[in-house]
N, C-alpha and C. Protein backbone atom coordinates (compact mmCIF):
# COMPACT_ATOMS: atom_id res chain seq x y z
N MET A 1 -19.64 14.65 5.52
CA MET A 1 -18.53 14.54 4.60
C MET A 1 -18.04 15.93 4.22
N LYS A 2 -16.73 16.08 4.18
CA LYS A 2 -16.13 17.37 3.83
C LYS A 2 -15.91 17.41 2.32
N MET A 3 -16.96 17.81 1.60
CA MET A 3 -16.87 17.77 0.14
C MET A 3 -17.69 18.91 -0.46
N TYR A 4 -17.22 19.50 -1.55
CA TYR A 4 -17.90 20.63 -2.15
C TYR A 4 -18.08 20.38 -3.64
N PRO A 5 -19.28 20.64 -4.18
CA PRO A 5 -19.56 20.39 -5.60
C PRO A 5 -18.57 21.05 -6.54
N LYS A 6 -18.11 22.27 -6.23
CA LYS A 6 -17.22 22.98 -7.15
C LYS A 6 -15.87 22.28 -7.28
N ASN A 7 -15.53 21.43 -6.31
CA ASN A 7 -14.26 20.70 -6.36
C ASN A 7 -14.47 19.24 -6.75
N ARG A 8 -15.60 18.92 -7.36
CA ARG A 8 -15.92 17.53 -7.65
C ARG A 8 -14.87 16.86 -8.52
N GLU A 9 -14.40 17.55 -9.56
CA GLU A 9 -13.42 16.94 -10.46
C GLU A 9 -12.11 16.65 -9.72
N LEU A 10 -11.73 17.54 -8.82
CA LEU A 10 -10.52 17.29 -8.03
C LEU A 10 -10.72 16.07 -7.15
N HIS A 11 -11.87 15.98 -6.49
CA HIS A 11 -12.15 14.83 -5.62
C HIS A 11 -12.16 13.54 -6.43
N LYS A 12 -12.71 13.58 -7.62
CA LYS A 12 -12.74 12.40 -8.48
C LYS A 12 -11.32 11.97 -8.85
N GLY A 13 -10.48 12.94 -9.17
CA GLY A 13 -9.10 12.64 -9.54
C GLY A 13 -8.32 12.02 -8.39
N LEU A 14 -8.53 12.55 -7.19
CA LEU A 14 -7.84 12.02 -6.02
C LEU A 14 -8.30 10.60 -5.71
N ALA A 15 -9.60 10.36 -5.84
CA ALA A 15 -10.13 9.02 -5.61
C ALA A 15 -9.61 8.03 -6.64
N LEU A 16 -9.50 8.47 -7.89
CA LEU A 16 -8.97 7.60 -8.95
C LEU A 16 -7.53 7.18 -8.67
N GLY A 17 -6.79 8.04 -7.99
CA GLY A 17 -5.41 7.68 -7.64
C GLY A 17 -5.34 6.42 -6.81
N GLY A 18 -6.29 6.26 -5.91
CA GLY A 18 -6.33 5.08 -5.06
C GLY A 18 -6.79 3.83 -5.79
N ILE A 19 -7.36 4.00 -6.97
CA ILE A 19 -7.77 2.85 -7.80
C ILE A 19 -6.65 2.47 -8.76
N ILE A 20 -6.07 3.47 -9.39
CA ILE A 20 -5.05 3.23 -10.41
C ILE A 20 -3.76 2.69 -9.80
N GLY A 21 -3.34 3.28 -8.68
CA GLY A 21 -2.07 2.92 -8.07
C GLY A 21 -1.91 1.43 -7.77
N PRO A 22 -2.84 0.84 -7.00
CA PRO A 22 -2.71 -0.60 -6.70
C PRO A 22 -2.73 -1.49 -7.94
N VAL A 23 -3.54 -1.12 -8.95
CA VAL A 23 -3.62 -1.93 -10.17
C VAL A 23 -2.28 -1.91 -10.90
N ILE A 24 -1.70 -0.73 -11.08
CA ILE A 24 -0.41 -0.62 -11.77
C ILE A 24 0.66 -1.39 -11.01
N TYR A 25 0.66 -1.25 -9.69
CA TYR A 25 1.70 -1.88 -8.87
C TYR A 25 1.70 -3.39 -9.04
N PHE A 26 0.55 -4.01 -8.85
CA PHE A 26 0.51 -5.47 -8.92
C PHE A 26 0.66 -5.98 -10.36
N PHE A 27 0.13 -5.26 -11.30
CA PHE A 27 0.30 -5.66 -12.70
C PHE A 27 1.77 -5.64 -13.08
N LEU A 28 2.45 -4.55 -12.74
CA LEU A 28 3.87 -4.43 -13.07
C LEU A 28 4.69 -5.48 -12.34
N MET A 29 4.44 -5.65 -11.05
CA MET A 29 5.22 -6.59 -10.26
C MET A 29 5.10 -8.02 -10.79
N GLU A 30 3.87 -8.44 -11.07
CA GLU A 30 3.69 -9.82 -11.53
C GLU A 30 4.18 -10.00 -12.97
N THR A 31 4.07 -8.97 -13.78
CA THR A 31 4.59 -9.05 -15.14
C THR A 31 6.10 -9.19 -15.15
N LEU A 32 6.78 -8.37 -14.37
CA LEU A 32 8.24 -8.44 -14.30
C LEU A 32 8.69 -9.76 -13.69
N GLY A 33 7.94 -10.25 -12.71
CA GLY A 33 8.28 -11.52 -12.09
C GLY A 33 8.22 -12.67 -13.07
N ARG A 34 7.25 -12.64 -13.96
CA ARG A 34 7.13 -13.70 -14.98
C ARG A 34 8.20 -13.58 -16.06
N LEU A 35 8.65 -12.35 -16.31
CA LEU A 35 9.67 -12.14 -17.34
C LEU A 35 11.06 -12.54 -16.86
N TRP A 36 11.28 -12.58 -15.55
CA TRP A 36 12.60 -12.89 -14.99
C TRP A 36 12.71 -14.38 -14.74
N PRO A 37 13.46 -15.11 -15.56
CA PRO A 37 13.58 -16.56 -15.39
C PRO A 37 14.08 -16.94 -13.99
N GLY A 38 13.41 -17.88 -13.35
CA GLY A 38 13.81 -18.35 -12.04
C GLY A 38 13.16 -17.62 -10.89
N TYR A 39 12.54 -16.49 -11.18
CA TYR A 39 11.88 -15.73 -10.11
C TYR A 39 10.51 -16.35 -9.82
N SER A 40 10.17 -16.45 -8.54
CA SER A 40 8.89 -17.02 -8.11
C SER A 40 8.15 -16.04 -7.22
N SER A 41 6.91 -15.76 -7.55
CA SER A 41 6.09 -14.86 -6.73
C SER A 41 5.76 -15.49 -5.38
N ILE A 42 5.94 -16.79 -5.28
CA ILE A 42 5.67 -17.49 -4.02
C ILE A 42 6.91 -17.50 -3.13
N ARG A 43 8.08 -17.75 -3.71
CA ARG A 43 9.30 -17.93 -2.91
C ARG A 43 10.13 -16.67 -2.75
N ASN A 44 10.05 -15.75 -3.70
CA ASN A 44 10.96 -14.60 -3.70
C ASN A 44 10.29 -13.33 -3.18
N HIS A 45 11.09 -12.52 -2.48
CA HIS A 45 10.61 -11.23 -1.99
C HIS A 45 10.20 -10.31 -3.15
N MET A 46 9.24 -9.46 -2.89
CA MET A 46 8.89 -8.43 -3.87
C MET A 46 10.09 -7.54 -4.15
N SER A 47 10.86 -7.23 -3.11
CA SER A 47 11.99 -6.31 -3.24
C SER A 47 13.06 -6.84 -4.17
N GLU A 48 13.13 -8.15 -4.38
CA GLU A 48 14.14 -8.71 -5.26
C GLU A 48 13.95 -8.21 -6.70
N LEU A 49 12.73 -7.87 -7.06
CA LEU A 49 12.48 -7.33 -8.40
C LEU A 49 13.14 -5.98 -8.59
N GLY A 50 13.37 -5.28 -7.49
CA GLY A 50 14.07 -4.00 -7.55
C GLY A 50 15.49 -4.09 -7.01
N GLY A 51 15.94 -5.33 -6.71
CA GLY A 51 17.26 -5.54 -6.13
C GLY A 51 18.39 -5.42 -7.12
N VAL A 52 19.60 -5.51 -6.60
CA VAL A 52 20.79 -5.27 -7.43
C VAL A 52 20.94 -6.32 -8.53
N GLU A 53 20.43 -7.51 -8.34
CA GLU A 53 20.56 -8.56 -9.34
C GLU A 53 19.46 -8.53 -10.40
N SER A 54 18.41 -7.79 -10.14
CA SER A 54 17.25 -7.81 -11.03
C SER A 54 17.54 -7.10 -12.35
N PRO A 55 17.18 -7.70 -13.47
CA PRO A 55 17.34 -7.01 -14.77
C PRO A 55 16.32 -5.89 -14.94
N TYR A 56 15.37 -5.82 -14.03
CA TYR A 56 14.30 -4.82 -14.13
C TYR A 56 14.29 -3.88 -12.92
N LYS A 57 15.43 -3.76 -12.25
CA LYS A 57 15.47 -2.99 -10.99
C LYS A 57 15.04 -1.54 -11.18
N GLY A 58 15.48 -0.91 -12.27
CA GLY A 58 15.09 0.48 -12.50
C GLY A 58 13.60 0.63 -12.70
N ILE A 59 13.02 -0.27 -13.47
CA ILE A 59 11.57 -0.21 -13.74
C ILE A 59 10.78 -0.43 -12.46
N MET A 60 11.17 -1.45 -11.66
CA MET A 60 10.42 -1.76 -10.45
C MET A 60 10.55 -0.67 -9.40
N ASN A 61 11.76 -0.17 -9.23
CA ASN A 61 11.96 0.85 -8.19
C ASN A 61 11.24 2.15 -8.51
N ILE A 62 11.26 2.55 -9.79
CA ILE A 62 10.64 3.82 -10.15
C ILE A 62 9.13 3.68 -10.38
N PHE A 63 8.76 2.73 -11.25
CA PHE A 63 7.36 2.62 -11.64
C PHE A 63 6.57 1.63 -10.77
N GLY A 64 7.28 0.97 -9.86
CA GLY A 64 6.62 0.08 -8.92
C GLY A 64 6.54 0.72 -7.55
N PHE A 65 7.64 0.67 -6.80
CA PHE A 65 7.65 1.17 -5.43
C PHE A 65 7.39 2.67 -5.34
N MET A 66 8.14 3.46 -6.10
CA MET A 66 8.00 4.91 -5.99
C MET A 66 6.65 5.39 -6.48
N LEU A 67 6.19 4.83 -7.60
CA LEU A 67 4.93 5.30 -8.17
C LEU A 67 3.75 4.95 -7.28
N VAL A 68 3.73 3.74 -6.71
CA VAL A 68 2.61 3.40 -5.84
C VAL A 68 2.66 4.26 -4.58
N GLY A 69 3.87 4.61 -4.13
CA GLY A 69 3.98 5.52 -2.99
C GLY A 69 3.35 6.87 -3.28
N LEU A 70 3.58 7.37 -4.50
CA LEU A 70 2.97 8.64 -4.91
C LEU A 70 1.45 8.52 -4.95
N PHE A 71 0.94 7.42 -5.48
CA PHE A 71 -0.50 7.23 -5.54
C PHE A 71 -1.11 7.10 -4.15
N ILE A 72 -0.38 6.49 -3.21
CA ILE A 72 -0.86 6.40 -1.83
C ILE A 72 -0.99 7.80 -1.23
N LEU A 73 -0.02 8.66 -1.51
CA LEU A 73 -0.09 10.04 -1.01
C LEU A 73 -1.27 10.78 -1.63
N ILE A 74 -1.50 10.57 -2.92
CA ILE A 74 -2.65 11.19 -3.59
C ILE A 74 -3.95 10.72 -2.96
N PHE A 75 -4.04 9.42 -2.72
CA PHE A 75 -5.23 8.88 -2.05
C PHE A 75 -5.39 9.50 -0.66
N GLY A 76 -4.27 9.68 0.05
CA GLY A 76 -4.33 10.27 1.38
C GLY A 76 -4.92 11.67 1.37
N VAL A 77 -4.58 12.46 0.36
CA VAL A 77 -5.15 13.81 0.23
C VAL A 77 -6.66 13.70 0.00
N GLY A 78 -7.06 12.80 -0.91
CA GLY A 78 -8.48 12.62 -1.16
C GLY A 78 -9.24 12.14 0.06
N TYR A 79 -8.64 11.22 0.79
CA TYR A 79 -9.26 10.70 2.02
C TYR A 79 -9.44 11.82 3.04
N ASN A 80 -8.41 12.62 3.18
CA ASN A 80 -8.48 13.74 4.14
C ASN A 80 -9.59 14.71 3.77
N ASN A 81 -9.78 14.97 2.48
CA ASN A 81 -10.81 15.91 2.04
C ASN A 81 -12.22 15.33 2.12
N HIS A 82 -12.30 14.02 2.09
CA HIS A 82 -13.61 13.36 1.95
C HIS A 82 -14.36 13.22 3.27
N PHE A 83 -13.64 13.07 4.36
CA PHE A 83 -14.28 12.77 5.64
C PHE A 83 -14.16 13.92 6.63
N LYS A 84 -15.11 13.95 7.54
CA LYS A 84 -15.10 15.00 8.55
C LYS A 84 -13.96 14.81 9.54
N LYS A 85 -13.62 15.88 10.23
CA LYS A 85 -12.49 15.88 11.14
C LYS A 85 -12.73 14.96 12.33
N SER A 86 -11.73 14.14 12.64
CA SER A 86 -11.78 13.28 13.83
C SER A 86 -10.36 12.79 14.10
N TRP A 87 -10.13 12.31 15.30
CA TRP A 87 -8.79 11.81 15.59
C TRP A 87 -8.51 10.52 14.82
N HIS A 88 -9.56 9.75 14.52
CA HIS A 88 -9.38 8.56 13.70
C HIS A 88 -8.87 8.94 12.31
N LYS A 89 -9.48 9.99 11.75
CA LYS A 89 -9.07 10.40 10.41
C LYS A 89 -7.64 10.92 10.43
N THR A 90 -7.29 11.69 11.45
CA THR A 90 -5.93 12.22 11.55
C THR A 90 -4.90 11.09 11.57
N LEU A 91 -5.17 10.05 12.37
CA LEU A 91 -4.24 8.92 12.45
C LEU A 91 -4.20 8.15 11.13
N THR A 92 -5.35 8.03 10.47
CA THR A 92 -5.39 7.34 9.18
C THR A 92 -4.55 8.07 8.16
N VAL A 93 -4.73 9.37 8.06
CA VAL A 93 -3.99 10.17 7.08
C VAL A 93 -2.50 10.17 7.38
N LEU A 94 -2.13 10.29 8.65
CA LEU A 94 -0.72 10.25 9.02
C LEU A 94 -0.10 8.91 8.64
N SER A 95 -0.84 7.84 8.85
CA SER A 95 -0.35 6.51 8.47
C SER A 95 -0.16 6.40 6.97
N LEU A 96 -1.09 6.97 6.21
CA LEU A 96 -0.96 6.96 4.74
C LEU A 96 0.24 7.78 4.28
N VAL A 97 0.49 8.89 4.93
CA VAL A 97 1.64 9.73 4.57
C VAL A 97 2.94 8.97 4.83
N VAL A 98 3.03 8.35 6.00
CA VAL A 98 4.23 7.58 6.33
C VAL A 98 4.41 6.43 5.34
N GLY A 99 3.31 5.69 5.08
CA GLY A 99 3.38 4.57 4.15
C GLY A 99 3.77 4.99 2.75
N GLY A 100 3.16 6.06 2.26
CA GLY A 100 3.45 6.54 0.92
C GLY A 100 4.88 7.05 0.78
N LEU A 101 5.33 7.83 1.75
CA LEU A 101 6.67 8.39 1.68
C LEU A 101 7.74 7.30 1.71
N PHE A 102 7.55 6.30 2.57
CA PHE A 102 8.57 5.26 2.66
C PHE A 102 8.53 4.31 1.47
N MET A 103 7.39 4.18 0.80
CA MET A 103 7.38 3.42 -0.45
C MET A 103 8.22 4.14 -1.51
N ILE A 104 8.21 5.46 -1.47
CA ILE A 104 9.05 6.23 -2.39
C ILE A 104 10.52 6.10 -2.00
N VAL A 105 10.80 6.26 -0.71
CA VAL A 105 12.19 6.23 -0.23
C VAL A 105 12.84 4.88 -0.49
N VAL A 106 12.10 3.78 -0.27
CA VAL A 106 12.69 2.45 -0.41
C VAL A 106 13.16 2.20 -1.84
N GLY A 107 12.57 2.89 -2.80
CA GLY A 107 12.99 2.73 -4.18
C GLY A 107 14.39 3.22 -4.47
N PHE A 108 14.94 4.04 -3.57
CA PHE A 108 16.31 4.54 -3.74
C PHE A 108 17.35 3.54 -3.24
N PHE A 109 16.90 2.51 -2.53
CA PHE A 109 17.84 1.57 -1.91
C PHE A 109 17.51 0.13 -2.34
N PRO A 110 18.06 -0.32 -3.47
CA PRO A 110 17.81 -1.70 -3.90
C PRO A 110 18.39 -2.70 -2.92
N CYS A 111 17.69 -3.80 -2.73
CA CYS A 111 18.17 -4.79 -1.77
C CYS A 111 19.33 -5.58 -2.36
N ASP A 112 20.13 -6.18 -1.47
CA ASP A 112 21.25 -7.03 -1.88
C ASP A 112 20.72 -8.33 -2.48
N PRO A 113 21.59 -9.14 -3.10
CA PRO A 113 21.14 -10.42 -3.67
C PRO A 113 20.33 -11.25 -2.69
N ALA A 114 19.16 -11.73 -3.15
CA ALA A 114 18.24 -12.52 -2.34
C ALA A 114 17.73 -11.73 -1.13
N CYS A 115 17.92 -10.42 -1.14
CA CYS A 115 17.52 -9.53 -0.04
C CYS A 115 18.13 -9.96 1.29
N VAL A 116 19.37 -10.48 1.22
CA VAL A 116 20.16 -10.76 2.42
C VAL A 116 21.11 -9.60 2.62
N ASP A 117 20.95 -8.87 3.70
CA ASP A 117 21.71 -7.64 3.91
C ASP A 117 23.21 -7.89 4.02
N VAL A 118 23.96 -7.24 3.15
CA VAL A 118 25.42 -7.32 3.16
C VAL A 118 26.01 -5.91 3.15
N THR A 119 25.48 -5.07 2.28
CA THR A 119 26.01 -3.71 2.11
C THR A 119 25.18 -2.71 2.91
N LEU A 120 25.70 -1.50 2.99
CA LEU A 120 24.98 -0.42 3.66
C LEU A 120 23.67 -0.13 2.94
N VAL A 121 23.70 -0.12 1.61
CA VAL A 121 22.47 0.13 0.84
C VAL A 121 21.44 -0.95 1.12
N GLY A 122 21.89 -2.19 1.21
CA GLY A 122 20.98 -3.28 1.52
C GLY A 122 20.35 -3.13 2.89
N ARG A 123 21.15 -2.72 3.86
CA ARG A 123 20.60 -2.51 5.21
C ARG A 123 19.63 -1.34 5.23
N LEU A 124 19.94 -0.29 4.46
CA LEU A 124 19.02 0.84 4.37
C LEU A 124 17.71 0.42 3.71
N HIS A 125 17.81 -0.50 2.75
CA HIS A 125 16.58 -1.02 2.14
C HIS A 125 15.71 -1.69 3.19
N SER A 126 16.30 -2.54 4.01
CA SER A 126 15.53 -3.23 5.04
C SER A 126 14.91 -2.25 6.02
N LEU A 127 15.68 -1.24 6.42
CA LEU A 127 15.17 -0.26 7.37
C LEU A 127 14.03 0.56 6.80
N THR A 128 14.16 0.94 5.52
CA THR A 128 13.13 1.79 4.92
C THR A 128 11.93 1.00 4.39
N SER A 129 12.00 -0.33 4.50
CA SER A 129 10.86 -1.14 4.09
C SER A 129 9.96 -1.51 5.26
N ILE A 130 10.39 -1.18 6.48
CA ILE A 130 9.61 -1.52 7.67
C ILE A 130 8.45 -0.56 7.93
N PRO A 131 8.68 0.77 7.90
CA PRO A 131 7.59 1.70 8.28
C PRO A 131 6.30 1.50 7.50
N GLN A 132 6.37 1.32 6.18
CA GLN A 132 5.15 1.18 5.39
C GLN A 132 4.43 -0.14 5.66
N SER A 133 5.19 -1.16 6.05
CA SER A 133 4.56 -2.45 6.34
C SER A 133 3.74 -2.38 7.62
N ILE A 134 4.00 -1.38 8.43
CA ILE A 134 3.22 -1.15 9.65
C ILE A 134 2.19 -0.06 9.43
N ALA A 135 2.61 1.02 8.75
CA ALA A 135 1.74 2.19 8.59
C ALA A 135 0.52 1.92 7.73
N LEU A 136 0.68 1.19 6.63
CA LEU A 136 -0.45 0.96 5.73
C LEU A 136 -1.53 0.08 6.39
N PRO A 137 -1.17 -1.01 7.08
CA PRO A 137 -2.21 -1.74 7.83
C PRO A 137 -2.87 -0.87 8.90
N LEU A 138 -2.07 -0.03 9.57
CA LEU A 138 -2.65 0.85 10.58
C LEU A 138 -3.65 1.83 9.98
N ALA A 139 -3.39 2.29 8.76
CA ALA A 139 -4.32 3.20 8.10
C ALA A 139 -5.69 2.55 7.97
N ALA A 140 -5.71 1.28 7.58
CA ALA A 140 -6.98 0.56 7.45
C ALA A 140 -7.64 0.35 8.81
N ILE A 141 -6.83 0.04 9.81
CA ILE A 141 -7.37 -0.18 11.16
C ILE A 141 -7.96 1.11 11.72
N PHE A 142 -7.23 2.21 11.61
CA PHE A 142 -7.75 3.50 12.07
C PHE A 142 -8.95 3.92 11.22
N GLY A 143 -8.93 3.56 9.94
CA GLY A 143 -10.04 3.91 9.06
C GLY A 143 -11.35 3.31 9.52
N ALA A 144 -11.29 2.19 10.22
CA ALA A 144 -12.52 1.58 10.74
C ALA A 144 -13.26 2.54 11.66
N GLY A 145 -12.50 3.31 12.46
CA GLY A 145 -13.12 4.28 13.34
C GLY A 145 -13.78 5.42 12.58
N VAL A 146 -13.17 5.79 11.46
CA VAL A 146 -13.76 6.84 10.61
C VAL A 146 -15.08 6.37 10.03
N PHE A 147 -15.10 5.17 9.46
CA PHE A 147 -16.29 4.66 8.79
C PHE A 147 -17.45 4.43 9.75
N SER A 148 -17.13 4.03 10.98
CA SER A 148 -18.19 3.76 11.96
C SER A 148 -18.96 5.02 12.33
N GLN A 149 -18.34 6.20 12.07
CA GLN A 149 -18.99 7.47 12.40
C GLN A 149 -19.65 8.12 11.19
N GLU A 150 -19.56 7.47 10.04
CA GLU A 150 -20.13 8.03 8.81
C GLU A 150 -21.41 7.27 8.44
N PRO A 151 -22.56 7.95 8.40
CA PRO A 151 -23.84 7.26 8.12
C PRO A 151 -23.85 6.50 6.80
N LYS A 152 -23.19 7.02 5.76
CA LYS A 152 -23.21 6.37 4.46
C LYS A 152 -22.20 5.21 4.37
N TRP A 153 -21.42 5.02 5.40
CA TRP A 153 -20.44 3.93 5.41
C TRP A 153 -20.85 2.89 6.45
N GLY A 154 -20.79 3.24 7.72
CA GLY A 154 -21.35 2.40 8.76
C GLY A 154 -20.48 1.22 9.19
N GLN A 155 -21.11 0.32 9.96
CA GLN A 155 -20.37 -0.75 10.62
C GLN A 155 -19.83 -1.81 9.66
N LYS A 156 -20.51 -2.04 8.55
CA LYS A 156 -20.00 -3.04 7.60
C LYS A 156 -18.67 -2.59 7.01
N TRP A 157 -18.58 -1.33 6.65
CA TRP A 157 -17.33 -0.80 6.13
C TRP A 157 -16.27 -0.75 7.23
N ALA A 158 -16.69 -0.45 8.44
CA ALA A 158 -15.75 -0.43 9.56
C ALA A 158 -15.17 -1.82 9.79
N ALA A 159 -16.02 -2.85 9.73
CA ALA A 159 -15.56 -4.22 9.93
C ALA A 159 -14.63 -4.66 8.79
N LEU A 160 -14.99 -4.30 7.55
CA LEU A 160 -14.14 -4.63 6.40
C LEU A 160 -12.78 -3.96 6.53
N SER A 161 -12.78 -2.70 6.90
CA SER A 161 -11.55 -1.94 7.04
C SER A 161 -10.65 -2.54 8.11
N PHE A 162 -11.24 -2.86 9.27
CA PHE A 162 -10.47 -3.44 10.36
C PHE A 162 -9.92 -4.80 9.97
N GLY A 163 -10.75 -5.60 9.30
CA GLY A 163 -10.33 -6.94 8.89
C GLY A 163 -9.17 -6.91 7.90
N LEU A 164 -9.25 -6.03 6.91
CA LEU A 164 -8.16 -5.92 5.93
C LEU A 164 -6.88 -5.42 6.59
N GLY A 165 -7.03 -4.48 7.53
CA GLY A 165 -5.86 -3.97 8.23
C GLY A 165 -5.18 -5.04 9.06
N MET A 166 -5.95 -5.81 9.79
CA MET A 166 -5.38 -6.86 10.62
C MET A 166 -4.76 -7.97 9.76
N ALA A 167 -5.41 -8.31 8.65
CA ALA A 167 -4.87 -9.33 7.75
C ALA A 167 -3.54 -8.87 7.16
N SER A 168 -3.46 -7.59 6.80
CA SER A 168 -2.22 -7.05 6.27
C SER A 168 -1.12 -7.05 7.34
N MET A 169 -1.47 -6.66 8.55
CA MET A 169 -0.51 -6.61 9.65
C MET A 169 0.04 -7.99 9.99
N ALA A 170 -0.79 -9.01 9.82
CA ALA A 170 -0.39 -10.38 10.19
C ALA A 170 0.73 -10.92 9.31
N ALA A 171 0.90 -10.34 8.13
CA ALA A 171 1.93 -10.84 7.22
C ALA A 171 3.33 -10.73 7.82
N GLY A 172 3.59 -9.67 8.56
CA GLY A 172 4.92 -9.47 9.16
C GLY A 172 5.34 -10.61 10.07
N PRO A 173 4.53 -10.92 11.09
CA PRO A 173 4.89 -12.05 11.97
C PRO A 173 4.97 -13.39 11.23
N LEU A 174 4.09 -13.61 10.27
CA LEU A 174 4.11 -14.88 9.53
C LEU A 174 5.41 -15.05 8.76
N MET A 175 5.95 -13.96 8.24
CA MET A 175 7.20 -14.03 7.48
C MET A 175 8.39 -14.42 8.35
N GLN A 176 8.25 -14.27 9.66
CA GLN A 176 9.35 -14.60 10.56
C GLN A 176 9.36 -16.06 10.98
N ILE A 177 8.36 -16.83 10.59
CA ILE A 177 8.29 -18.25 10.94
C ILE A 177 9.15 -19.04 9.96
N PRO A 178 10.20 -19.70 10.44
CA PRO A 178 11.11 -20.41 9.53
C PRO A 178 10.43 -21.41 8.60
N ALA A 179 9.43 -22.12 9.10
CA ALA A 179 8.77 -23.14 8.28
C ALA A 179 8.00 -22.52 7.10
N LEU A 180 7.69 -21.25 7.20
CA LEU A 180 6.93 -20.59 6.15
C LEU A 180 7.82 -19.78 5.21
N HIS A 181 9.12 -19.87 5.39
CA HIS A 181 10.02 -19.03 4.59
C HIS A 181 9.94 -19.35 3.10
N ILE A 182 9.60 -20.57 2.76
CA ILE A 182 9.48 -20.92 1.34
C ILE A 182 8.29 -20.23 0.68
N PHE A 183 7.41 -19.66 1.52
CA PHE A 183 6.24 -18.94 1.01
C PHE A 183 6.36 -17.44 1.25
N VAL A 184 7.59 -16.96 1.48
CA VAL A 184 7.77 -15.56 1.89
C VAL A 184 7.23 -14.59 0.85
N GLY A 185 7.40 -14.91 -0.42
CA GLY A 185 6.90 -14.01 -1.46
C GLY A 185 5.39 -13.92 -1.46
N LEU A 186 4.74 -15.06 -1.30
CA LEU A 186 3.28 -15.08 -1.26
C LEU A 186 2.75 -14.33 -0.05
N ILE A 187 3.35 -14.57 1.12
CA ILE A 187 2.91 -13.91 2.35
C ILE A 187 3.09 -12.40 2.23
N GLN A 188 4.24 -12.00 1.70
CA GLN A 188 4.52 -10.57 1.54
C GLN A 188 3.52 -9.93 0.59
N ARG A 189 3.20 -10.61 -0.49
CA ARG A 189 2.22 -10.09 -1.45
C ARG A 189 0.83 -9.99 -0.84
N LEU A 190 0.48 -10.96 -0.03
CA LEU A 190 -0.83 -10.90 0.63
C LEU A 190 -0.88 -9.73 1.60
N GLY A 191 0.22 -9.53 2.35
CA GLY A 191 0.26 -8.41 3.29
C GLY A 191 0.09 -7.08 2.59
N MET A 192 0.85 -6.87 1.51
CA MET A 192 0.73 -5.63 0.75
C MET A 192 -0.61 -5.59 0.03
N GLY A 193 -1.04 -6.75 -0.44
CA GLY A 193 -2.30 -6.82 -1.18
C GLY A 193 -3.50 -6.41 -0.36
N PHE A 194 -3.56 -6.86 0.88
CA PHE A 194 -4.69 -6.49 1.74
C PHE A 194 -4.71 -4.99 1.99
N ALA A 195 -3.53 -4.38 2.19
CA ALA A 195 -3.46 -2.94 2.41
C ALA A 195 -3.88 -2.16 1.17
N LEU A 196 -3.39 -2.59 0.01
CA LEU A 196 -3.75 -1.89 -1.22
C LEU A 196 -5.19 -2.19 -1.62
N ALA A 197 -5.70 -3.36 -1.25
CA ALA A 197 -7.12 -3.66 -1.51
C ALA A 197 -8.00 -2.70 -0.72
N TRP A 198 -7.58 -2.37 0.50
CA TRP A 198 -8.33 -1.40 1.31
C TRP A 198 -8.37 -0.05 0.60
N ILE A 199 -7.21 0.41 0.13
CA ILE A 199 -7.16 1.68 -0.59
C ILE A 199 -8.04 1.61 -1.83
N PHE A 200 -7.99 0.50 -2.55
CA PHE A 200 -8.73 0.33 -3.79
C PHE A 200 -10.24 0.41 -3.56
N VAL A 201 -10.77 -0.37 -2.60
CA VAL A 201 -12.23 -0.41 -2.41
C VAL A 201 -12.74 0.89 -1.79
N VAL A 202 -11.95 1.49 -0.90
CA VAL A 202 -12.36 2.77 -0.32
C VAL A 202 -12.40 3.84 -1.39
N SER A 203 -11.44 3.81 -2.30
CA SER A 203 -11.40 4.78 -3.40
C SER A 203 -12.63 4.64 -4.30
N ILE A 204 -13.05 3.41 -4.57
CA ILE A 204 -14.24 3.19 -5.39
C ILE A 204 -15.47 3.79 -4.70
N LYS A 205 -15.60 3.54 -3.40
CA LYS A 205 -16.73 4.09 -2.64
C LYS A 205 -16.70 5.62 -2.63
N MET A 206 -15.51 6.18 -2.44
CA MET A 206 -15.36 7.64 -2.46
C MET A 206 -15.74 8.20 -3.83
N LEU A 207 -15.32 7.52 -4.89
CA LEU A 207 -15.62 7.99 -6.23
C LEU A 207 -17.11 7.95 -6.50
N ILE A 208 -17.79 6.91 -6.06
CA ILE A 208 -19.24 6.81 -6.23
C ILE A 208 -19.94 7.95 -5.50
N GLU A 209 -19.50 8.23 -4.29
CA GLU A 209 -20.12 9.31 -3.53
C GLU A 209 -19.85 10.67 -4.16
N THR A 210 -18.66 10.84 -4.72
CA THR A 210 -18.33 12.11 -5.37
C THR A 210 -19.19 12.34 -6.59
N ARG A 211 -19.43 11.28 -7.37
CA ARG A 211 -20.26 11.40 -8.57
C ARG A 211 -21.70 11.68 -8.22
N ALA A 212 -22.11 11.34 -7.01
CA ALA A 212 -23.50 11.55 -6.60
C ALA A 212 -23.78 12.97 -6.16
N LEU A 213 -22.73 13.79 -6.09
CA LEU A 213 -22.93 15.19 -5.67
C LEU A 213 -23.79 15.96 -6.66
């Protein structure tokens, strides 16, 4: 592990970012969803909370999408510092950077009503929401290779990482099935949830190891 006692507080702070970010994101998203009459976490896209019709678009775009993107980047720095150099780690960190940056960027482009693309801004929203939906699952999948080479992590963590990544990746194809469109909000939340759950549990493990220094 690439870690030094004199930087323990920094490592702890970076690991905490990966714990705090997912919690704030889902708490805010579900709270705003319940406050908006007619909105359903099962039927409606997450992006609709930050869309042009949403009464909470500013809150969701800034403190939801953008803020979790920042926390993903913070986690990426901690992840990079925590593990030894390998091509698996490089791909994991690059995926986290892409995912985090595009979560920030997508907050600048609220989706059109019902997230049906009509305007240029709406189309830009759709375009900028794709990279992170691929990059974040890939981070977990590549992370499996990192964990398999770390004695304190091992094959169980590698299997968990790969499983969460694949489960998150599966949300994209499922959302394209017409019969499942009434569950698009739930499927989308599960896809994002599995990716953020990976960040959350890995951050806890990193924090425990940092405190043991």
